[in-house]
Amino acid sequence: MKSIINTSKAPAPIGPYNQAVKAGNTLYISGQIPLSVISGELIIDDIVAETKLVMENIGFILEEAGYGFQDVVKTTIFLSDMDLFADVNQVYGEYFSEQAPARETVAVKTLPKNVRVEISAIAFK
């Protein structure tokens, strides 16, 4: 069974996709960027603040679906520059306990709206 998950606490999709799709016990969360629902603005001047906002957006989607960060089994981090890795990794690590999910981190040429970080996640219960 497939169900669509969307919350007003995280940025609305800007294309033909949803914030998340739940298939059985697995939740697939679309890539989140540092877009603030409160201000409607992108946070693009501080990679630590950008990453925190991305992780908060993922947290709101997890919560809407009845999941938590402890249920995340896989993430993908997209960076505009691998030189950002250390700061992003530090913030990212604050959201996971000793059982961190599997992950890959890749540098890409550009990201939506020219942000510097985007993270997607898969959770399972």
PDB file of N, CA and C in Angstrom:
ATOM      1  N   MET A   1       0.841  -1.180   0.000  1.00  0.00           N
ATOM      2  CA  MET A   1       0.000   0.000   0.000  1.00  0.00           C
ATOM      3  C   MET A   1       0.887   1.244   0.000  1.00  0.00           C
ATOM      4  N   LYS A   2       0.525   2.210  -0.804  1.00  0.00           N
ATOM      5  CA  LYS A   2       1.295   3.438  -0.956  1.00  0.00           C
ATOM      6  C   LYS A   2       0.461   4.613  -0.475  1.00  0.00           C
ATOM      7  N   SER A   3       1.079   5.488   0.336  1.00  0.00           N
ATOM      8  CA  SER A   3       0.381   6.702   0.766  1.00  0.00           C
ATOM      9  C   SER A   3       1.325   7.897   0.666  1.00  0.00           C
ATOM     10  N   ILE A   4       0.743   9.035   0.391  1.00  0.00           N
ATOM     11  CA  ILE A   4       1.491  10.277   0.224  1.00  0.00           C
ATOM     12  C   ILE A   4       1.550  10.998   1.570  1.00  0.00           C
ATOM     13  N   ILE A   5       2.729  11.495   1.903  1.00  0.00           N
ATOM     14  CA  ILE A   5       2.930  12.226   3.153  1.00  0.00           C
ATOM     15  C   ILE A   5       3.336  13.658   2.809  1.00  0.00           C
ATOM     16  N   ASN A   6       2.620  14.616   3.327  1.00  0.00           N
ATOM     17  CA  ASN A   6       2.963  16.030   3.201  1.00  0.00           C
ATOM     18  C   ASN A   6       2.615  16.721   4.515  1.00  0.00           C
ATOM     19  N   THR A   7       3.423  17.696   4.894  1.00  0.00           N
ATOM     20  CA  THR A   7       3.159  18.480   6.088  1.00  0.00           C
ATOM     21  C   THR A   7       3.375  19.954   5.779  1.00  0.00           C
ATOM     22  N   SER A   8       2.602  20.797   6.400  1.00  0.00           N
ATOM     23  CA  SER A   8       2.766  22.242   6.212  1.00  0.00           C
ATOM     24  C   SER A   8       3.972  22.773   6.994  1.00  0.00           C
ATOM     25  N   LYS A   9       4.582  21.924   7.824  1.00  0.00           N
ATOM     26  CA  LYS A   9       5.751  22.346   8.603  1.00  0.00           C
ATOM     27  C   LYS A   9       7.043  22.320   7.787  1.00  0.00           C
ATOM     28  N   ALA A  10       7.018  21.664   6.635  1.00  0.00           N
ATOM     29  CA  ALA A  10       8.186  21.584   5.754  1.00  0.00           C
ATOM     30  C   ALA A  10       7.810  22.229   4.415  1.00  0.00           C
ATOM     31  N   PRO A  11       8.811  22.638   3.641  1.00  0.00           N
ATOM     32  CA  PRO A  11       8.521  23.299   2.366  1.00  0.00           C
ATOM     33  C   PRO A  11       7.672  22.439   1.437  1.00  0.00           C
ATOM     34  N   ALA A  12       6.729  23.077   0.791  1.00  0.00           N
ATOM     35  CA  ALA A  12       5.890  22.383  -0.186  1.00  0.00           C
ATOM     36  C   ALA A  12       6.742  22.014  -1.400  1.00  0.00           C
ATOM     37  N   PRO A  13       6.425  20.919  -2.052  1.00  0.00           N
ATOM     38  CA  PRO A  13       7.157  20.536  -3.259  1.00  0.00           C
ATOM     39  C   PRO A  13       7.089  21.645  -4.317  1.00  0.00           C
ATOM     40  N   ILE A  14       8.180  21.796  -5.063  1.00  0.00           N
ATOM     41  CA  ILE A  14       8.218  22.813  -6.105  1.00  0.00           C
ATOM     42  C   ILE A  14       8.175  22.177  -7.490  1.00  0.00           C
ATOM     43  N   GLY A  15       7.633  20.983  -7.552  1.00  0.00           N
ATOM     44  CA  GLY A  15       7.526  20.260  -8.815  1.00  0.00           C
ATOM     45  C   GLY A  15       6.585  19.085  -8.659  1.00  0.00           C
ATOM     46  N   PRO A  16       6.564  18.194  -9.627  1.00  0.00           N
ATOM     47  CA  PRO A  16       5.658  17.043  -9.588  1.00  0.00           C
ATOM     48  C   PRO A  16       6.184  15.911  -8.709  1.00  0.00           C
ATOM     49  N   TYR A  17       6.233  16.160  -7.420  1.00  0.00           N
ATOM     50  CA  TYR A  17       6.651  15.151  -6.442  1.00  0.00           C
ATOM     51  C   TYR A  17       6.012  15.492  -5.102  1.00  0.00           C
ATOM     52  N   ASN A  18       6.166  14.624  -4.128  1.00  0.00           N
ATOM     53  CA  ASN A  18       5.646  14.847  -2.780  1.00  0.00           C
ATOM     54  C   ASN A  18       6.807  14.885  -1.796  1.00  0.00           C
ATOM     55  N   GLN A  19       6.541  15.409  -0.601  1.00  0.00           N
ATOM     56  CA  GLN A  19       7.578  15.436   0.426  1.00  0.00           C
ATOM     57  C   GLN A  19       8.038  14.029   0.748  1.00  0.00           C
ATOM     58  N   ALA A  20       7.088  13.101   0.809  1.00  0.00           N
ATOM     59  CA  ALA A  20       7.442  11.707   1.105  1.00  0.00           C
ATOM     60  C   ALA A  20       6.362  10.777   0.591  1.00  0.00           C
ATOM     61  N   VAL A  21       6.776   9.547   0.390  1.00  0.00           N
ATOM     62  CA  VAL A  21       5.850   8.479   0.016  1.00  0.00           C
ATOM     63  C   VAL A  21       6.118   7.320   0.959  1.00  0.00           C
ATOM     64  N   LYS A  22       5.035   6.812   1.545  1.00  0.00           N
ATOM     65  CA  LYS A  22       5.145   5.635   2.411  1.00  0.00           C
ATOM     66  C   LYS A  22       4.664   4.435   1.609  1.00  0.00           C
ATOM     67  N   ALA A  23       5.520   3.418   1.517  1.00  0.00           N
ATOM     68  CA  ALA A  23       5.181   2.177   0.823  1.00  0.00           C
ATOM     69  C   ALA A  23       5.393   1.047   1.820  1.00  0.00           C
ATOM     70  N   GLY A  24       4.296   0.470   2.294  1.00  0.00           N
ATOM     71  CA  GLY A  24       4.412  -0.523   3.349  1.00  0.00           C
ATOM     72  C   GLY A  24       4.945   0.148   4.603  1.00  0.00           C
ATOM     73  N   ASN A  25       6.012  -0.385   5.138  1.00  0.00           N
ATOM     74  CA  ASN A  25       6.637   0.183   6.342  1.00  0.00           C
ATOM     75  C   ASN A  25       7.816   1.095   6.026  1.00  0.00           C
ATOM     76  N   THR A  26       8.035   1.368   4.742  1.00  0.00           N
ATOM     77  CA  THR A  26       9.173   2.169   4.326  1.00  0.00           C
ATOM     78  C   THR A  26       8.713   3.562   3.909  1.00  0.00           C
ATOM     79  N   LEU A  27       9.441   4.575   4.385  1.00  0.00           N
ATOM     80  CA  LEU A  27       9.142   5.967   4.071  1.00  0.00           C
ATOM     81  C   LEU A  27      10.284   6.533   3.238  1.00  0.00           C
ATOM     82  N   TYR A  28       9.955   7.046   2.071  1.00  0.00           N
ATOM     83  CA  TYR A  28      10.931   7.641   1.165  1.00  0.00           C
ATOM     84  C   TYR A  28      10.738   9.156   1.198  1.00  0.00           C
ATOM     85  N   ILE A  29      11.732   9.876   1.687  1.00  0.00           N
ATOM     86  CA  ILE A  29      11.634  11.329   1.821  1.00  0.00           C
ATOM     87  C   ILE A  29      12.416  11.992   0.697  1.00  0.00           C
ATOM     88  N   SER A  30      11.728  12.857  -0.041  1.00  0.00           N
ATOM     89  CA  SER A  30      12.370  13.596  -1.121  1.00  0.00           C
ATOM     90  C   SER A  30      13.458  14.502  -0.574  1.00  0.00           C
ATOM     91  N   GLY A  31      14.405  14.852  -1.422  1.00  0.00           N
ATOM     92  CA  GLY A  31      15.490  15.740  -1.032  1.00  0.00           C
ATOM     93  C   GLY A  31      14.966  17.048  -0.476  1.00  0.00           C
ATOM     94  N   GLN A  32      15.504  17.428   0.663  1.00  0.00           N
ATOM     95  CA  GLN A  32      15.115  18.679   1.316  1.00  0.00           C
ATOM     96  C   GLN A  32      16.246  19.689   1.195  1.00  0.00           C
ATOM     97  N   ILE A  33      15.862  20.929   0.959  1.00  0.00           N
ATOM     98  CA  ILE A  33      16.823  22.017   0.836  1.00  0.00           C
ATOM     99  C   ILE A  33      16.584  23.013   1.975  1.00  0.00           C
ATOM    100  N   PRO A  34      17.501  23.957   2.186  1.00  0.00           N
ATOM    101  CA  PRO A  34      17.353  24.901   3.299  1.00  0.00           C
ATOM    102  C   PRO A  34      16.355  26.031   3.013  1.00  0.00           C
ATOM    103  N   LEU A  35      15.113  25.631   2.854  1.00  0.00           N
ATOM    104  CA  LEU A  35      14.030  26.577   2.614  1.00  0.00           C
ATOM    105  C   LEU A  35      13.175  26.658   3.871  1.00  0.00           C
ATOM    106  N   SER A  36      13.020  27.856   4.386  1.00  0.00           N
ATOM    107  CA  SER A  36      12.249  28.067   5.613  1.00  0.00           C
ATOM    108  C   SER A  36      10.773  28.218   5.289  1.00  0.00           C
ATOM    109  N   VAL A  37       9.937  27.403   5.934  1.00  0.00           N
ATOM    110  CA  VAL A  37       8.488  27.528   5.768  1.00  0.00           C
ATOM    111  C   VAL A  37       8.009  28.829   6.401  1.00  0.00           C
ATOM    112  N   ILE A  38       8.619  29.215   7.500  1.00  0.00           N
ATOM    113  CA  ILE A  38       8.199  30.412   8.238  1.00  0.00           C
ATOM    114  C   ILE A  38       8.402  31.676   7.409  1.00  0.00           C
ATOM    115  N   SER A  39       9.605  31.841   6.862  1.00  0.00           N
ATOM    116  CA  SER A  39       9.906  33.066   6.108  1.00  0.00           C
ATOM    117  C   SER A  39       9.689  32.916   4.608  1.00  0.00           C
ATOM    118  N   GLY A  40       9.672  31.669   4.128  1.00  0.00           N
ATOM    119  CA  GLY A  40       9.580  31.440   2.694  1.00  0.00           C
ATOM    120  C   GLY A  40      10.894  31.706   1.976  1.00  0.00           C
ATOM    121  N   GLU A  41      11.948  31.937   2.745  1.00  0.00           N
ATOM    122  CA  GLU A  41      13.245  32.288   2.185  1.00  0.00           C
ATOM    123  C   GLU A  41      14.218  31.112   2.267  1.00  0.00           C
ATOM    124  N   LEU A  42      15.157  31.114   1.339  1.00  0.00           N
ATOM    125  CA  LEU A  42      16.264  30.173   1.406  1.00  0.00           C
ATOM    126  C   LEU A  42      17.294  30.696   2.391  1.00  0.00           C
ATOM    127  N   ILE A  43      17.892  29.794   3.141  1.00  0.00           N
ATOM    128  CA  ILE A  43      19.025  30.136   3.998  1.00  0.00           C
ATOM    129  C   ILE A  43      20.252  29.728   3.202  1.00  0.00           C
ATOM    130  N   ILE A  44      21.078  30.687   2.800  1.00  0.00           N
ATOM    131  CA  ILE A  44      22.193  30.365   1.903  1.00  0.00           C
ATOM    132  C   ILE A  44      23.516  31.009   2.307  1.00  0.00           C
ATOM    133  N   ASP A  45      23.612  31.538   3.516  1.00  0.00           N
ATOM    134  CA  ASP A  45      24.833  32.245   3.874  1.00  0.00           C
ATOM    135  C   ASP A  45      25.630  31.598   5.001  1.00  0.00           C
ATOM    136  N   ASP A  46      25.159  30.468   5.511  1.00  0.00           N
ATOM    137  CA  ASP A  46      25.825  29.805   6.632  1.00  0.00           C
ATOM    138  C   ASP A  46      25.537  28.310   6.522  1.00  0.00           C
ATOM    139  N   ILE A  47      26.535  27.521   6.131  1.00  0.00           N
ATOM    140  CA  ILE A  47      26.305  26.099   5.866  1.00  0.00           C
ATOM    141  C   ILE A  47      25.812  25.353   7.096  1.00  0.00           C
ATOM    142  N   VAL A  48      26.204  25.768   8.291  1.00  0.00           N
ATOM    143  CA  VAL A  48      25.706  25.125   9.508  1.00  0.00           C
ATOM    144  C   VAL A  48      24.205  25.375   9.643  1.00  0.00           C
ATOM    145  N   ALA A  49      23.778  26.617   9.488  1.00  0.00           N
ATOM    146  CA  ALA A  49      22.348  26.953   9.566  1.00  0.00           C
ATOM    147  C   ALA A  49      21.570  26.284   8.434  1.00  0.00           C
ATOM    148  N   GLU A  50      22.159  26.223   7.262  1.00  0.00           N
ATOM    149  CA  GLU A  50      21.511  25.576   6.116  1.00  0.00           C
ATOM    150  C   GLU A  50      21.248  24.095   6.420  1.00  0.00           C
ATOM    151  N   THR A  51      22.272  23.425   6.934  1.00  0.00           N
ATOM    152  CA  THR A  51      22.145  21.987   7.219  1.00  0.00           C
ATOM    153  C   THR A  51      21.144  21.744   8.338  1.00  0.00           C
ATOM    154  N   LYS A  52      21.159  22.582   9.370  1.00  0.00           N
ATOM    155  CA  LYS A  52      20.177  22.431  10.456  1.00  0.00           C
ATOM    156  C   LYS A  52      18.763  22.555   9.920  1.00  0.00           C
ATOM    157  N   LEU A  53      18.528  23.510   9.038  1.00  0.00           N
ATOM    158  CA  LEU A  53      17.190  23.691   8.477  1.00  0.00           C
ATOM    159  C   LEU A  53      16.786  22.485   7.630  1.00  0.00           C
ATOM    160  N   VAL A  54      17.694  21.969   6.843  1.00  0.00           N
ATOM    161  CA  VAL A  54      17.411  20.774   6.053  1.00  0.00           C
ATOM    162  C   VAL A  54      17.019  19.619   6.980  1.00  0.00           C
ATOM    163  N   MET A  55      17.791  19.411   8.037  1.00  0.00           N
ATOM    164  CA  MET A  55      17.501  18.321   8.966  1.00  0.00           C
ATOM    165  C   MET A  55      16.191  18.548   9.710  1.00  0.00           C
ATOM    166  N   GLU A  56      15.890  19.789  10.057  1.00  0.00           N
ATOM    167  CA  GLU A  56      14.600  20.092  10.690  1.00  0.00           C
ATOM    168  C   GLU A  56      13.453  19.777   9.740  1.00  0.00           C
ATOM    169  N   ASN A  57      13.600  20.134   8.465  1.00  0.00           N
ATOM    170  CA  ASN A  57      12.554  19.834   7.482  1.00  0.00           C
ATOM    171  C   ASN A  57      12.343  18.327   7.364  1.00  0.00           C
ATOM    172  N   ILE A  58      13.426  17.571   7.342  1.00  0.00           N
ATOM    173  CA  ILE A  58      13.309  16.110   7.318  1.00  0.00           C
ATOM    174  C   ILE A  58      12.605  15.627   8.584  1.00  0.00           C
ATOM    175  N   GLY A  59      12.953  16.190   9.723  1.00  0.00           N
ATOM    176  CA  GLY A  59      12.318  15.814  10.987  1.00  0.00           C
ATOM    177  C   GLY A  59      10.811  16.052  10.982  1.00  0.00           C
ATOM    178  N   PHE A  60      10.373  17.167  10.419  1.00  0.00           N
ATOM    179  CA  PHE A  60       8.932  17.452  10.344  1.00  0.00           C
ATOM    180  C   PHE A  60       8.207  16.431   9.472  1.00  0.00           C
ATOM    181  N   ILE A  61       8.844  16.016   8.389  1.00  0.00           N
ATOM    182  CA  ILE A  61       8.234  15.013   7.508  1.00  0.00           C
ATOM    183  C   ILE A  61       8.191  13.660   8.211  1.00  0.00           C
ATOM    184  N   LEU A  62       9.279  13.299   8.860  1.00  0.00           N
ATOM    185  CA  LEU A  62       9.289  12.051   9.634  1.00  0.00           C
ATOM    186  C   LEU A  62       8.157  12.052  10.660  1.00  0.00           C
ATOM    187  N   GLU A  63       8.037  13.149  11.386  1.00  0.00           N
ATOM    188  CA  GLU A  63       7.010  13.271  12.430  1.00  0.00           C
ATOM    189  C   GLU A  63       5.607  13.126  11.848  1.00  0.00           C
ATOM    190  N   GLU A  64       5.360  13.762  10.734  1.00  0.00           N
ATOM    191  CA  GLU A  64       4.042  13.690  10.086  1.00  0.00           C
ATOM    192  C   GLU A  64       3.671  12.242   9.741  1.00  0.00           C
ATOM    193  N   ALA A  65       4.683  11.461   9.383  1.00  0.00           N
ATOM    194  CA  ALA A  65       4.447  10.068   9.003  1.00  0.00           C
ATOM    195  C   ALA A  65       4.478   9.110  10.191  1.00  0.00           C
ATOM    196  N   GLY A  66       4.772   9.643  11.389  1.00  0.00           N
ATOM    197  CA  GLY A  66       4.841   8.777  12.571  1.00  0.00           C
ATOM    198  C   GLY A  66       6.188   8.107  12.742  1.00  0.00           C
ATOM    199  N   TYR A  67       7.215   8.670  12.167  1.00  0.00           N
ATOM    200  CA  TYR A  67       8.572   8.141  12.261  1.00  0.00           C
ATOM    201  C   TYR A  67       9.446   9.139  13.020  1.00  0.00           C
ATOM    202  N   GLY A  68      10.688   8.745  13.283  1.00  0.00           N
ATOM    203  CA  GLY A  68      11.668   9.623  13.906  1.00  0.00           C
ATOM    204  C   GLY A  68      13.023   9.371  13.280  1.00  0.00           C
ATOM    205  N   PHE A  69      14.002  10.171  13.669  1.00  0.00           N
ATOM    206  CA  PHE A  69      15.348   9.987  13.121  1.00  0.00           C
ATOM    207  C   PHE A  69      15.896   8.599  13.426  1.00  0.00           C
ATOM    208  N   GLN A  70      15.460   7.986  14.517  1.00  0.00           N
ATOM    209  CA  GLN A  70      15.932   6.638  14.859  1.00  0.00           C
ATOM    210  C   GLN A  70      15.460   5.603  13.836  1.00  0.00           C
ATOM    211  N   ASP A  71      14.465   5.944  13.022  1.00  0.00           N
ATOM    212  CA  ASP A  71      13.940   5.023  12.010  1.00  0.00           C
ATOM    213  C   ASP A  71      14.615   5.185  10.648  1.00  0.00           C
ATOM    214  N   VAL A  72      15.460   6.189  10.498  1.00  0.00           N
ATOM    215  CA  VAL A  72      16.124   6.433   9.216  1.00  0.00           C
ATOM    216  C   VAL A  72      17.196   5.371   8.991  1.00  0.00           C
ATOM    217  N   VAL A  73      17.116   4.712   7.827  1.00  0.00           N
ATOM    218  CA  VAL A  73      18.062   3.647   7.509  1.00  0.00           C
ATOM    219  C   VAL A  73      19.039   4.037   6.397  1.00  0.00           C
ATOM    220  N   LYS A  74      18.732   5.100   5.658  1.00  0.00           N
ATOM    221  CA  LYS A  74      19.582   5.484   4.523  1.00  0.00           C
ATOM    222  C   LYS A  74      19.370   6.961   4.219  1.00  0.00           C
ATOM    223  N   THR A  75      20.462   7.668   3.966  1.00  0.00           N
ATOM    224  CA  THR A  75      20.376   9.059   3.523  1.00  0.00           C
ATOM    225  C   THR A  75      21.330   9.269   2.359  1.00  0.00           C
ATOM    226  N   THR A  76      21.047  10.311   1.612  1.00  0.00           N
ATOM    227  CA  THR A  76      21.958  10.779   0.575  1.00  0.00           C
ATOM    228  C   THR A  76      22.132  12.270   0.778  1.00  0.00           C
ATOM    229  N   ILE A  77      23.385  12.696   0.856  1.00  0.00           N
ATOM    230  CA  ILE A  77      23.701  14.110   0.999  1.00  0.00           C
ATOM    231  C   ILE A  77      24.304  14.587  -0.318  1.00  0.00           C
ATOM    232  N   PHE A  78      23.727  15.646  -0.858  1.00  0.00           N
ATOM    233  CA  PHE A  78      24.234  16.282  -2.065  1.00  0.00           C
ATOM    234  C   PHE A  78      24.836  17.627  -1.661  1.00  0.00           C
ATOM    235  N   LEU A  79      26.074  17.865  -2.053  1.00  0.00           N
ATOM    236  CA  LEU A  79      26.756  19.116  -1.737  1.00  0.00           C
ATOM    237  C   LEU A  79      27.185  19.811  -3.028  1.00  0.00           C
ATOM    238  N   SER A  80      27.177  21.132  -2.995  1.00  0.00           N
ATOM    239  CA  SER A  80      27.669  21.889  -4.146  1.00  0.00           C
ATOM    240  C   SER A  80      29.191  21.921  -4.179  1.00  0.00           C
ATOM    241  N   ASP A  81      29.817  21.594  -3.044  1.00  0.00           N
ATOM    242  CA  ASP A  81      31.270  21.643  -2.931  1.00  0.00           C
ATOM    243  C   ASP A  81      31.686  20.722  -1.784  1.00  0.00           C
ATOM    244  N   MET A  82      32.571  19.801  -2.038  1.00  0.00           N
ATOM    245  CA  MET A  82      32.982  18.845  -1.017  1.00  0.00           C
ATOM    246  C   MET A  82      33.720  19.523   0.139  1.00  0.00           C
ATOM    247  N   ASP A  83      34.166  20.759  -0.053  1.00  0.00           N
ATOM    248  CA  ASP A  83      34.790  21.500   1.041  1.00  0.00           C
ATOM    249  C   ASP A  83      33.795  21.796   2.167  1.00  0.00           C
ATOM    250  N   LEU A  84      32.498  21.656   1.915  1.00  0.00           N
ATOM    251  CA  LEU A  84      31.454  21.878   2.923  1.00  0.00           C
ATOM    252  C   LEU A  84      31.242  20.641   3.801  1.00  0.00           C
ATOM    253  N   PHE A  85      31.849  19.528   3.431  1.00  0.00           N
ATOM    254  CA  PHE A  85      31.568  18.250   4.071  1.00  0.00           C
ATOM    255  C   PHE A  85      31.725  18.263   5.586  1.00  0.00           C
ATOM    256  N   ALA A  86      32.814  18.785   6.096  1.00  0.00           N
ATOM    257  CA  ALA A  86      33.072  18.721   7.546  1.00  0.00           C
ATOM    258  C   ALA A  86      31.964  19.408   8.340  1.00  0.00           C
ATOM    259  N   ASP A  87      31.553  20.600   7.927  1.00  0.00           N
ATOM    260  CA  ASP A  87      30.495  21.321   8.647  1.00  0.00           C
ATOM    261  C   ASP A  87      29.155  20.611   8.530  1.00  0.00           C
ATOM    262  N   VAL A  88      28.829  20.145   7.331  1.00  0.00           N
ATOM    263  CA  VAL A  88      27.569  19.428   7.124  1.00  0.00           C
ATOM    264  C   VAL A  88      27.575  18.142   7.952  1.00  0.00           C
ATOM    265  N   ASN A  89      28.666  17.414   7.935  1.00  0.00           N
ATOM    266  CA  ASN A  89      28.769  16.154   8.660  1.00  0.00           C
ATOM    267  C   ASN A  89      28.605  16.359  10.168  1.00  0.00           C
ATOM    268  N   GLN A  90      29.159  17.441  10.681  1.00  0.00           N
ATOM    269  CA  GLN A  90      29.036  17.730  12.120  1.00  0.00           C
ATOM    270  C   GLN A  90      27.572  17.946  12.502  1.00  0.00           C
ATOM    271  N   VAL A  91      26.861  18.767  11.754  1.00  0.00           N
ATOM    272  CA  VAL A  91      25.438  19.027  12.041  1.00  0.00           C
ATOM    273  C   VAL A  91      24.631  17.749  11.852  1.00  0.00           C
ATOM    274  N   TYR A  92      24.854  17.067  10.761  1.00  0.00           N
ATOM    275  CA  TYR A  92      24.147  15.825  10.450  1.00  0.00           C
ATOM    276  C   TYR A  92      24.267  14.836  11.608  1.00  0.00           C
ATOM    277  N   GLY A  93      25.464  14.697  12.145  1.00  0.00           N
ATOM    278  CA  GLY A  93      25.714  13.759  13.236  1.00  0.00           C
ATOM    279  C   GLY A  93      24.938  14.052  14.500  1.00  0.00           C
ATOM    280  N   GLU A  94      24.506  15.284  14.694  1.00  0.00           N
ATOM    281  CA  GLU A  94      23.727  15.660  15.872  1.00  0.00           C
ATOM    282  C   GLU A  94      22.322  15.061  15.860  1.00  0.00           C
ATOM    283  N   TYR A  95      21.872  14.577  14.712  1.00  0.00           N
ATOM    284  CA  TYR A  95      20.512  14.059  14.579  1.00  0.00           C
ATOM    285  C   TYR A  95      20.430  12.536  14.689  1.00  0.00           C
ATOM    286  N   PHE A  96      21.577  11.888  14.785  1.00  0.00           N
ATOM    287  CA  PHE A  96      21.572  10.428  14.844  1.00  0.00           C
ATOM    288  C   PHE A  96      22.368   9.931  16.036  1.00  0.00           C
ATOM    289  N   SER A  97      21.873   8.828  16.626  1.00  0.00           N
ATOM    290  CA  SER A  97      22.550   8.200  17.753  1.00  0.00           C
ATOM    291  C   SER A  97      23.673   7.309  17.225  1.00  0.00           C
ATOM    292  N   GLU A  98      24.093   6.382  18.038  1.00  0.00           N
ATOM    293  CA  GLU A  98      25.167   5.476  17.640  1.00  0.00           C
ATOM    294  C   GLU A  98      24.782   4.589  16.464  1.00  0.00           C
ATOM    295  N   GLN A  99      23.490   4.459  16.181  1.00  0.00           N
ATOM    296  CA  GLN A  99      23.056   3.639  15.050  1.00  0.00           C
ATOM    297  C   GLN A  99      22.703   4.547  13.872  1.00  0.00           C
ATOM    298  N   ALA A 100      23.699   5.236  13.366  1.00  0.00           N
ATOM    299  CA  ALA A 100      23.492   6.123  12.229  1.00  0.00           C
ATOM    300  C   ALA A 100      23.124   5.314  10.990  1.00  0.00           C
ATOM    301  N   PRO A 101      22.383   5.932  10.072  1.00  0.00           N
ATOM    302  CA  PRO A 101      21.983   5.217   8.860  1.00  0.00           C
ATOM    303  C   PRO A 101      23.131   5.042   7.879  1.00  0.00           C
ATOM    304  N   ALA A 102      22.921   4.183   6.907  1.00  0.00           N
ATOM    305  CA  ALA A 102      23.839   4.104   5.769  1.00  0.00           C
ATOM    306  C   ALA A 102      23.734   5.430   5.023  1.00  0.00           C
ATOM    307  N   ARG A 103      24.810   5.791   4.304  1.00  0.00           N
ATOM    308  CA  ARG A 103      24.793   7.107   3.672  1.00  0.00           C
ATOM    309  C   ARG A 103      25.840   7.186   2.575  1.00  0.00           C
ATOM    310  N   GLU A 104      25.548   8.039   1.595  1.00  0.00           N
ATOM    311  CA  GLU A 104      26.592   8.480   0.700  1.00  0.00           C
ATOM    312  C   GLU A 104      26.500   9.994   0.607  1.00  0.00           C
ATOM    313  N   THR A 105      27.647  10.600   0.326  1.00  0.00           N
ATOM    314  CA  THR A 105      27.721  12.042   0.160  1.00  0.00           C
ATOM    315  C   THR A 105      28.400  12.301  -1.174  1.00  0.00           C
ATOM    316  N   VAL A 106      27.746  13.101  -1.999  1.00  0.00           N
ATOM    317  CA  VAL A 106      28.298  13.389  -3.316  1.00  0.00           C
ATOM    318  C   VAL A 106      28.299  14.888  -3.567  1.00  0.00           C
ATOM    319  N   ALA A 107      29.311  15.327  -4.297  1.00  0.00           N
ATOM    320  CA  ALA A 107      29.353  16.717  -4.745  1.00  0.00           C
ATOM    321  C   ALA A 107      28.785  16.749  -6.158  1.00  0.00           C
ATOM    322  N   VAL A 108      27.939  17.729  -6.398  1.00  0.00           N
ATOM    323  CA  VAL A 108      27.290  17.865  -7.701  1.00  0.00           C
ATOM    324  C   VAL A 108      27.531  19.274  -8.238  1.00  0.00           C
ATOM    325  N   LYS A 109      27.318  19.440  -9.514  1.00  0.00           N
ATOM    326  CA  LYS A 109      27.582  20.737 -10.137  1.00  0.00           C
ATOM    327  C   LYS A 109      26.654  21.821  -9.612  1.00  0.00           C
ATOM    328  N   THR A 110      25.343  21.550  -9.590  1.00  0.00           N
ATOM    329  CA  THR A 110      24.367  22.501  -9.054  1.00  0.00           C
ATOM    330  C   THR A 110      23.227  21.749  -8.403  1.00  0.00           C
ATOM    331  N   LEU A 111      22.535  22.448  -7.504  1.00  0.00           N
ATOM    332  CA  LEU A 111      21.368  21.901  -6.809  1.00  0.00           C
ATOM    333  C   LEU A 111      20.188  22.838  -7.046  1.00  0.00           C
ATOM    334  N   PRO A 112      18.957  22.383  -6.783  1.00  0.00           N
ATOM    335  CA  PRO A 112      17.794  23.252  -6.983  1.00  0.00           C
ATOM    336  C   PRO A 112      17.966  24.597  -6.282  1.00  0.00           C
ATOM    337  N   LYS A 113      17.590  25.639  -6.967  1.00  0.00           N
ATOM    338  CA  LYS A 113      17.653  27.011  -6.438  1.00  0.00           C
ATOM    339  C   LYS A 113      19.072  27.413  -6.040  1.00  0.00           C
ATOM    340  N   ASN A 114      20.054  26.692  -6.587  1.00  0.00           N
ATOM    341  CA  ASN A 114      21.475  26.955  -6.325  1.00  0.00           C
ATOM    342  C   ASN A 114      21.854  26.863  -4.846  1.00  0.00           C
ATOM    343  N   VAL A 115      21.155  26.007  -4.085  1.00  0.00           N
ATOM    344  CA  VAL A 115      21.524  25.796  -2.679  1.00  0.00           C
ATOM    345  C   VAL A 115      22.829  25.009  -2.626  1.00  0.00           C
ATOM    346  N   ARG A 116      23.394  24.914  -1.428  1.00  0.00           N
ATOM    347  CA  ARG A 116      24.667  24.213  -1.268  1.00  0.00           C
ATOM    348  C   ARG A 116      24.522  22.814  -0.681  1.00  0.00           C
ATOM    349  N   VAL A 117      23.336  22.512  -0.097  1.00  0.00           N
ATOM    350  CA  VAL A 117      23.135  21.195   0.503  1.00  0.00           C
ATOM    351  C   VAL A 117      21.687  20.747   0.275  1.00  0.00           C
ATOM    352  N   GLU A 118      21.543  19.468  -0.036  1.00  0.00           N
ATOM    353  CA  GLU A 118      20.239  18.819  -0.148  1.00  0.00           C
ATOM    354  C   GLU A 118      20.410  17.417   0.423  1.00  0.00           C
ATOM    355  N   ILE A 119      19.420  16.975   1.214  1.00  0.00           N
ATOM    356  CA  ILE A 119      19.496  15.648   1.825  1.00  0.00           C
ATOM    357  C   ILE A 119      18.168  14.919   1.618  1.00  0.00           C
ATOM    358  N   SER A 120      18.252  13.677   1.184  1.00  0.00           N
ATOM    359  CA  SER A 120      17.074  12.799   1.100  1.00  0.00           C
ATOM    360  C   SER A 120      17.255  11.671   2.103  1.00  0.00           C
ATOM    361  N   ALA A 121      16.154  10.994   2.423  1.00  0.00           N
ATOM    362  CA  ALA A 121      16.233   9.949   3.456  1.00  0.00           C
ATOM    363  C   ALA A 121      15.231   8.832   3.182  1.00  0.00           C
ATOM    364  N   ILE A 122      15.559   7.670   3.689  1.00  0.00           N
ATOM    365  CA  ILE A 122      14.658   6.514   3.687  1.00  0.00           C
ATOM    366  C   ILE A 122      14.560   6.038   5.130  1.00  0.00           C
ATOM    367  N   ALA A 123      13.330   5.841   5.602  1.00  0.00           N
ATOM    368  CA  ALA A 123      13.109   5.362   6.971  1.00  0.00           C
ATOM    369  C   ALA A 123      12.286   4.080   6.917  1.00  0.00           C
ATOM    370  N   PHE A 124      12.432   3.257   7.952  1.00  0.00           N
ATOM    371  CA  PHE A 124      11.730   1.979   8.012  1.00  0.00           C
ATOM    372  C   PHE A 124      11.292   1.710   9.436  1.00  0.00           C
ATOM    373  N   LYS A 125      10.082   1.215   9.575  1.00  0.00           N
ATOM    374  CA  LYS A 125       9.564   0.796  10.882  1.00  0.00           C
ATOM    375  C   LYS A 125       9.088  -0.622  10.790  1.00  0.00           C
TER     376      LYS A 125
END
